[in-house]
Amino acid sequence: MSSRSMSMEQTPRVTLTAVPPASSEGGTGLGVAPLEASSATTFATMFKALGDPVRLRLLSMIASAPGGEICVCDLSSAFHLTGPTISHHLRILREAGLVDSDRRGTWVYYRAVPATLILLAGLLHTA
């Protein structure tokens, strides 16, 4: 099976095994302790996904959508990009574990993954 024919359910995703460093006093974040190598790899994948302005804007639109989810048709209309390009960016966000999706008829609906966003916020939190 080619990678182009993979369904959304078969898309590899980052697993949420990364944990922000924590101190014995309960603080978390980069200023508390160095990251383990495996956590650094996982977080780097997430940040790499967010390193593109289109993907950052897509995540912002998805996370702030009323009701917690948004149709790809509403996302596509906000950009001067082709449908396949938007789909590519959304796939990168899905693979990084930042968003999840469901197909309903001909449309796909996206929602942010709160646990991943909380992990990122915990990493960036300064003690």
N, C-alpha and C. Protein backbone atom coordinates (compact mmCIF):
# COMPACT_ATOMS: atom_id res chain seq x y z
N MET A 1 0.86 -1.18 0.00
CA MET A 1 0.00 0.00 0.00
C MET A 1 0.90 1.23 0.00
N SER A 2 0.63 2.16 -0.88
CA SER A 2 1.44 3.38 -0.94
C SER A 2 1.06 4.31 0.19
N SER A 3 1.98 5.23 0.51
CA SER A 3 1.69 6.16 1.60
C SER A 3 0.55 7.10 1.24
N ARG A 4 0.32 7.34 -0.07
CA ARG A 4 -0.79 8.19 -0.48
C ARG A 4 -2.14 7.55 -0.20
N SER A 5 -2.19 6.23 -0.16
CA SER A 5 -3.48 5.56 0.04
C SER A 5 -3.73 5.19 1.50
N MET A 6 -2.86 5.61 2.40
CA MET A 6 -3.08 5.33 3.82
C MET A 6 -4.31 6.08 4.31
N SER A 7 -5.12 5.41 5.07
CA SER A 7 -6.27 6.10 5.66
C SER A 7 -5.81 6.90 6.86
N MET A 8 -6.69 7.79 7.34
CA MET A 8 -6.35 8.60 8.50
C MET A 8 -6.08 7.73 9.71
N GLU A 9 -6.77 6.58 9.82
CA GLU A 9 -6.58 5.72 10.98
C GLU A 9 -5.20 5.08 10.96
N GLN A 10 -4.57 4.95 9.79
CA GLN A 10 -3.28 4.31 9.68
C GLN A 10 -2.13 5.30 9.75
N THR A 11 -2.41 6.58 9.83
CA THR A 11 -1.37 7.59 9.87
C THR A 11 -0.59 7.44 11.16
N PRO A 12 0.75 7.28 11.06
CA PRO A 12 1.52 7.17 12.30
C PRO A 12 1.43 8.46 13.10
N ARG A 13 1.35 8.34 14.39
CA ARG A 13 1.23 9.51 15.26
C ARG A 13 2.27 9.46 16.35
N VAL A 14 2.63 10.62 16.85
CA VAL A 14 3.52 10.72 18.00
C VAL A 14 2.75 10.22 19.21
N THR A 15 3.39 9.39 20.01
CA THR A 15 2.74 8.93 21.23
C THR A 15 3.07 9.89 22.36
N LEU A 16 2.15 10.04 23.25
CA LEU A 16 2.30 11.00 24.34
C LEU A 16 3.08 10.41 25.50
N THR A 17 4.33 10.01 25.22
CA THR A 17 5.18 9.48 26.27
C THR A 17 6.13 10.54 26.80
N ALA A 18 6.20 11.68 26.13
CA ALA A 18 7.08 12.75 26.57
C ALA A 18 6.53 13.38 27.84
N VAL A 19 7.42 13.69 28.74
CA VAL A 19 7.03 14.31 30.00
C VAL A 19 7.96 15.49 30.23
N PRO A 20 7.38 16.68 30.50
CA PRO A 20 8.24 17.81 30.82
C PRO A 20 9.04 17.52 32.08
N PRO A 21 10.26 18.02 32.17
CA PRO A 21 11.05 17.82 33.39
C PRO A 21 10.30 18.36 34.60
N ALA A 22 10.44 17.68 35.73
CA ALA A 22 9.77 18.12 36.97
C ALA A 22 10.78 18.18 38.10
N SER A 23 10.56 19.11 38.99
CA SER A 23 11.41 19.21 40.18
C SER A 23 10.74 18.49 41.34
N SER A 24 11.49 18.28 42.40
CA SER A 24 10.92 17.63 43.59
C SER A 24 9.87 18.52 44.26
N GLU A 25 9.91 19.83 43.97
CA GLU A 25 8.92 20.75 44.53
C GLU A 25 7.65 20.80 43.69
N GLY A 26 7.62 20.06 42.58
CA GLY A 26 6.41 20.00 41.76
C GLY A 26 6.43 20.91 40.55
N GLY A 27 7.45 21.74 40.37
CA GLY A 27 7.52 22.60 39.19
C GLY A 27 7.89 21.80 37.96
N THR A 28 7.48 22.28 36.79
CA THR A 28 7.84 21.61 35.55
C THR A 28 8.37 22.64 34.56
N GLY A 29 8.99 22.15 33.51
CA GLY A 29 9.43 23.03 32.45
C GLY A 29 10.91 22.90 32.14
N LEU A 30 11.32 23.58 31.11
CA LEU A 30 12.70 23.51 30.65
C LEU A 30 13.70 24.01 31.68
N GLY A 31 13.30 24.96 32.52
CA GLY A 31 14.21 25.51 33.50
C GLY A 31 14.41 24.65 34.73
N VAL A 32 13.72 23.53 34.81
CA VAL A 32 13.78 22.69 36.00
C VAL A 32 14.86 21.62 35.88
N ALA A 33 14.90 20.95 34.73
CA ALA A 33 15.87 19.86 34.53
C ALA A 33 16.00 19.61 33.03
N PRO A 34 17.11 19.01 32.61
CA PRO A 34 17.27 18.70 31.19
C PRO A 34 16.26 17.65 30.73
N LEU A 35 15.89 17.71 29.47
CA LEU A 35 14.99 16.72 28.88
C LEU A 35 15.72 15.40 28.65
N GLU A 36 15.02 14.31 28.81
CA GLU A 36 15.53 13.01 28.39
C GLU A 36 15.56 12.99 26.87
N ALA A 37 16.41 12.19 26.28
CA ALA A 37 16.56 12.15 24.82
C ALA A 37 15.25 11.78 24.12
N SER A 38 14.54 10.80 24.65
CA SER A 38 13.29 10.38 24.01
C SER A 38 12.23 11.48 24.07
N SER A 39 12.17 12.18 25.20
CA SER A 39 11.22 13.29 25.33
C SER A 39 11.59 14.42 24.38
N ALA A 40 12.89 14.69 24.25
CA ALA A 40 13.34 15.75 23.36
C ALA A 40 12.93 15.44 21.92
N THR A 41 13.05 14.19 21.51
CA THR A 41 12.66 13.79 20.16
C THR A 41 11.17 14.01 19.94
N THR A 42 10.37 13.61 20.90
CA THR A 42 8.91 13.77 20.79
C THR A 42 8.53 15.23 20.74
N PHE A 43 9.07 16.03 21.65
CA PHE A 43 8.75 17.46 21.66
C PHE A 43 9.24 18.14 20.38
N ALA A 44 10.40 17.74 19.87
CA ALA A 44 10.93 18.34 18.65
C ALA A 44 10.00 18.10 17.48
N THR A 45 9.38 16.92 17.42
CA THR A 45 8.42 16.63 16.35
C THR A 45 7.22 17.57 16.44
N MET A 46 6.76 17.81 17.65
CA MET A 46 5.63 18.72 17.83
C MET A 46 5.99 20.15 17.44
N PHE A 47 7.14 20.61 17.90
CA PHE A 47 7.56 21.97 17.58
C PHE A 47 7.87 22.13 16.09
N LYS A 48 8.42 21.08 15.48
CA LYS A 48 8.68 21.15 14.04
C LYS A 48 7.36 21.32 13.29
N ALA A 49 6.33 20.62 13.73
CA ALA A 49 5.02 20.76 13.09
C ALA A 49 4.50 22.18 13.24
N LEU A 50 4.78 22.81 14.36
CA LEU A 50 4.31 24.17 14.61
C LEU A 50 5.24 25.23 14.02
N GLY A 51 6.37 24.81 13.47
CA GLY A 51 7.34 25.74 12.92
C GLY A 51 6.95 26.34 11.59
N ASP A 52 5.85 25.91 11.02
CA ASP A 52 5.37 26.45 9.77
C ASP A 52 4.19 27.38 10.07
N PRO A 53 4.19 28.60 9.52
CA PRO A 53 3.11 29.55 9.83
C PRO A 53 1.72 29.04 9.45
N VAL A 54 1.62 28.29 8.37
CA VAL A 54 0.31 27.76 7.96
C VAL A 54 -0.18 26.76 9.00
N ARG A 55 0.70 25.87 9.43
CA ARG A 55 0.28 24.87 10.42
C ARG A 55 -0.03 25.50 11.77
N LEU A 56 0.74 26.50 12.16
CA LEU A 56 0.45 27.19 13.41
C LEU A 56 -0.91 27.86 13.34
N ARG A 57 -1.20 28.49 12.22
CA ARG A 57 -2.50 29.13 12.05
C ARG A 57 -3.63 28.10 12.01
N LEU A 58 -3.39 26.97 11.33
CA LEU A 58 -4.40 25.90 11.31
C LEU A 58 -4.70 25.41 12.72
N LEU A 59 -3.65 25.16 13.52
CA LEU A 59 -3.87 24.71 14.89
C LEU A 59 -4.64 25.74 15.69
N SER A 60 -4.30 27.01 15.50
CA SER A 60 -5.01 28.08 16.20
C SER A 60 -6.49 28.09 15.83
N MET A 61 -6.77 27.93 14.55
CA MET A 61 -8.17 27.91 14.10
C MET A 61 -8.91 26.70 14.66
N ILE A 62 -8.24 25.56 14.69
CA ILE A 62 -8.87 24.33 15.18
C ILE A 62 -9.11 24.44 16.69
N ALA A 63 -8.10 24.87 17.42
CA ALA A 63 -8.21 24.94 18.89
C ALA A 63 -9.23 25.96 19.35
N SER A 64 -9.44 27.02 18.56
CA SER A 64 -10.37 28.08 18.98
C SER A 64 -11.74 27.95 18.34
N ALA A 65 -11.97 26.86 17.62
CA ALA A 65 -13.25 26.68 16.94
C ALA A 65 -14.39 26.50 17.94
N PRO A 66 -15.53 27.15 17.67
CA PRO A 66 -16.70 26.94 18.54
C PRO A 66 -17.08 25.46 18.56
N GLY A 67 -17.36 24.94 19.70
CA GLY A 67 -17.72 23.54 19.82
C GLY A 67 -16.51 22.61 19.83
N GLY A 68 -15.31 23.17 19.70
CA GLY A 68 -14.10 22.37 19.80
C GLY A 68 -13.67 21.65 18.54
N GLU A 69 -14.39 21.81 17.45
CA GLU A 69 -13.97 21.18 16.20
C GLU A 69 -14.40 22.03 15.01
N ILE A 70 -13.74 21.76 13.87
CA ILE A 70 -14.00 22.55 12.68
C ILE A 70 -13.86 21.67 11.45
N CYS A 71 -14.67 21.94 10.45
CA CYS A 71 -14.66 21.19 9.20
C CYS A 71 -13.50 21.66 8.33
N VAL A 72 -12.88 20.73 7.63
CA VAL A 72 -11.79 21.08 6.72
C VAL A 72 -12.26 22.09 5.68
N CYS A 73 -13.53 22.07 5.33
CA CYS A 73 -14.06 23.03 4.35
C CYS A 73 -13.95 24.46 4.88
N ASP A 74 -14.10 24.65 6.19
CA ASP A 74 -13.97 25.97 6.79
C ASP A 74 -12.51 26.38 6.92
N LEU A 75 -11.63 25.40 7.12
CA LEU A 75 -10.20 25.70 7.21
C LEU A 75 -9.65 26.10 5.84
N SER A 76 -10.01 25.35 4.82
CA SER A 76 -9.48 25.58 3.47
C SER A 76 -9.81 26.96 2.94
N SER A 77 -10.99 27.44 3.25
CA SER A 77 -11.42 28.72 2.71
C SER A 77 -10.65 29.91 3.29
N ALA A 78 -9.92 29.69 4.38
CA ALA A 78 -9.18 30.77 5.02
C ALA A 78 -7.78 30.97 4.42
N PHE A 79 -7.38 30.09 3.49
CA PHE A 79 -6.04 30.14 2.92
C PHE A 79 -6.10 30.21 1.40
N HIS A 80 -5.07 30.79 0.82
CA HIS A 80 -4.92 30.80 -0.63
C HIS A 80 -4.01 29.65 -1.03
N LEU A 81 -4.41 28.43 -0.61
CA LEU A 81 -3.65 27.23 -0.89
C LEU A 81 -4.58 26.18 -1.47
N THR A 82 -4.01 25.20 -2.17
CA THR A 82 -4.83 24.14 -2.74
C THR A 82 -5.28 23.17 -1.64
N GLY A 83 -6.32 22.42 -1.93
CA GLY A 83 -6.82 21.42 -0.99
C GLY A 83 -5.75 20.41 -0.60
N PRO A 84 -4.98 19.87 -1.57
CA PRO A 84 -3.93 18.92 -1.20
C PRO A 84 -2.87 19.53 -0.28
N THR A 85 -2.57 20.80 -0.45
CA THR A 85 -1.58 21.46 0.42
C THR A 85 -2.12 21.58 1.84
N ILE A 86 -3.38 21.97 1.97
CA ILE A 86 -4.00 22.04 3.31
C ILE A 86 -4.01 20.65 3.94
N SER A 87 -4.37 19.64 3.16
CA SER A 87 -4.39 18.26 3.67
C SER A 87 -3.00 17.83 4.15
N HIS A 88 -1.98 18.21 3.42
CA HIS A 88 -0.60 17.89 3.83
C HIS A 88 -0.29 18.51 5.19
N HIS A 89 -0.61 19.78 5.35
CA HIS A 89 -0.33 20.45 6.62
C HIS A 89 -1.13 19.82 7.77
N LEU A 90 -2.37 19.46 7.52
CA LEU A 90 -3.18 18.82 8.55
C LEU A 90 -2.64 17.44 8.90
N ARG A 91 -2.11 16.73 7.92
CA ARG A 91 -1.51 15.41 8.18
C ARG A 91 -0.30 15.56 9.10
N ILE A 92 0.53 16.58 8.86
CA ILE A 92 1.69 16.82 9.71
C ILE A 92 1.25 17.09 11.15
N LEU A 93 0.19 17.90 11.32
CA LEU A 93 -0.33 18.18 12.66
C LEU A 93 -0.88 16.91 13.32
N ARG A 94 -1.55 16.05 12.52
CA ARG A 94 -2.07 14.78 13.05
C ARG A 94 -0.93 13.87 13.48
N GLU A 95 0.08 13.75 12.64
CA GLU A 95 1.20 12.86 12.95
C GLU A 95 1.97 13.33 14.19
N ALA A 96 1.98 14.63 14.43
CA ALA A 96 2.65 15.17 15.62
C ALA A 96 1.79 15.01 16.87
N GLY A 97 0.56 14.54 16.71
CA GLY A 97 -0.33 14.34 17.86
C GLY A 97 -1.01 15.61 18.34
N LEU A 98 -0.96 16.67 17.52
CA LEU A 98 -1.55 17.95 17.93
C LEU A 98 -3.04 18.04 17.63
N VAL A 99 -3.49 17.35 16.59
CA VAL A 99 -4.91 17.35 16.24
C VAL A 99 -5.36 15.92 15.97
N ASP A 100 -6.65 15.73 16.04
CA ASP A 100 -7.27 14.46 15.68
C ASP A 100 -8.40 14.78 14.72
N SER A 101 -8.91 13.77 14.03
CA SER A 101 -9.94 14.04 13.03
C SER A 101 -10.92 12.88 12.91
N ASP A 102 -12.10 13.21 12.37
CA ASP A 102 -13.14 12.23 12.06
C ASP A 102 -13.72 12.56 10.71
N ARG A 103 -13.95 11.54 9.89
CA ARG A 103 -14.61 11.74 8.61
C ARG A 103 -16.11 11.57 8.82
N ARG A 104 -16.86 12.55 8.30
CA ARG A 104 -18.32 12.50 8.35
C ARG A 104 -18.82 12.77 6.94
N GLY A 105 -19.20 11.72 6.27
CA GLY A 105 -19.61 11.88 4.88
C GLY A 105 -18.41 12.26 4.04
N THR A 106 -18.53 13.36 3.31
CA THR A 106 -17.42 13.79 2.45
C THR A 106 -16.45 14.72 3.15
N TRP A 107 -16.77 15.17 4.37
CA TRP A 107 -15.94 16.15 5.06
C TRP A 107 -15.20 15.53 6.24
N VAL A 108 -14.08 16.13 6.57
CA VAL A 108 -13.29 15.71 7.73
C VAL A 108 -13.34 16.84 8.74
N TYR A 109 -13.60 16.49 9.99
CA TYR A 109 -13.67 17.46 11.08
C TYR A 109 -12.44 17.27 11.98
N TYR A 110 -11.83 18.39 12.33
CA TYR A 110 -10.61 18.39 13.13
C TYR A 110 -10.85 19.00 14.50
N ARG A 111 -10.12 18.48 15.50
CA ARG A 111 -10.15 19.01 16.85
C ARG A 111 -8.75 18.91 17.44
N ALA A 112 -8.42 19.84 18.31
CA ALA A 112 -7.13 19.82 18.99
C ALA A 112 -7.10 18.67 19.99
N VAL A 113 -5.92 18.18 20.28
CA VAL A 113 -5.74 17.15 21.31
C VAL A 113 -5.27 17.87 22.58
N PRO A 114 -6.18 18.08 23.54
CA PRO A 114 -5.84 18.86 24.73
C PRO A 114 -4.62 18.33 25.49
N ALA A 115 -4.48 17.02 25.60
CA ALA A 115 -3.36 16.45 26.36
C ALA A 115 -2.02 16.87 25.76
N THR A 116 -1.95 16.94 24.44
CA THR A 116 -0.70 17.34 23.78
C THR A 116 -0.43 18.82 24.02
N LEU A 117 -1.45 19.64 23.92
CA LEU A 117 -1.26 21.07 24.16
C LEU A 117 -0.85 21.34 25.61
N ILE A 118 -1.39 20.57 26.54
CA ILE A 118 -1.01 20.70 27.95
C ILE A 118 0.45 20.31 28.14
N LEU A 119 0.88 19.23 27.46
CA LEU A 119 2.28 18.82 27.54
C LEU A 119 3.21 19.94 27.04
N LEU A 120 2.87 20.52 25.90
CA LEU A 120 3.69 21.60 25.35
C LEU A 120 3.72 22.80 26.30
N ALA A 121 2.57 23.14 26.86
CA ALA A 121 2.51 24.26 27.80
C ALA A 121 3.35 23.96 29.04
N GLY A 122 3.32 22.73 29.52
CA GLY A 122 4.11 22.34 30.68
C GLY A 122 5.60 22.43 30.40
N LEU A 123 6.00 22.10 29.19
CA LEU A 123 7.41 22.17 28.84
C LEU A 123 7.88 23.63 28.81
N LEU A 124 7.04 24.51 28.28
CA LEU A 124 7.42 25.91 28.13
C LEU A 124 7.24 26.73 29.40
N HIS A 125 6.55 26.16 30.37
CA HIS A 125 6.32 26.86 31.64
C HIS A 125 7.65 27.07 32.35
N THR A 126 7.88 28.28 32.81
CA THR A 126 9.10 28.55 33.56
C THR A 126 8.81 28.49 35.04
N ALA A 127 9.73 27.95 35.76
CA ALA A 127 9.56 27.75 37.21
C ALA A 127 9.60 29.07 37.95
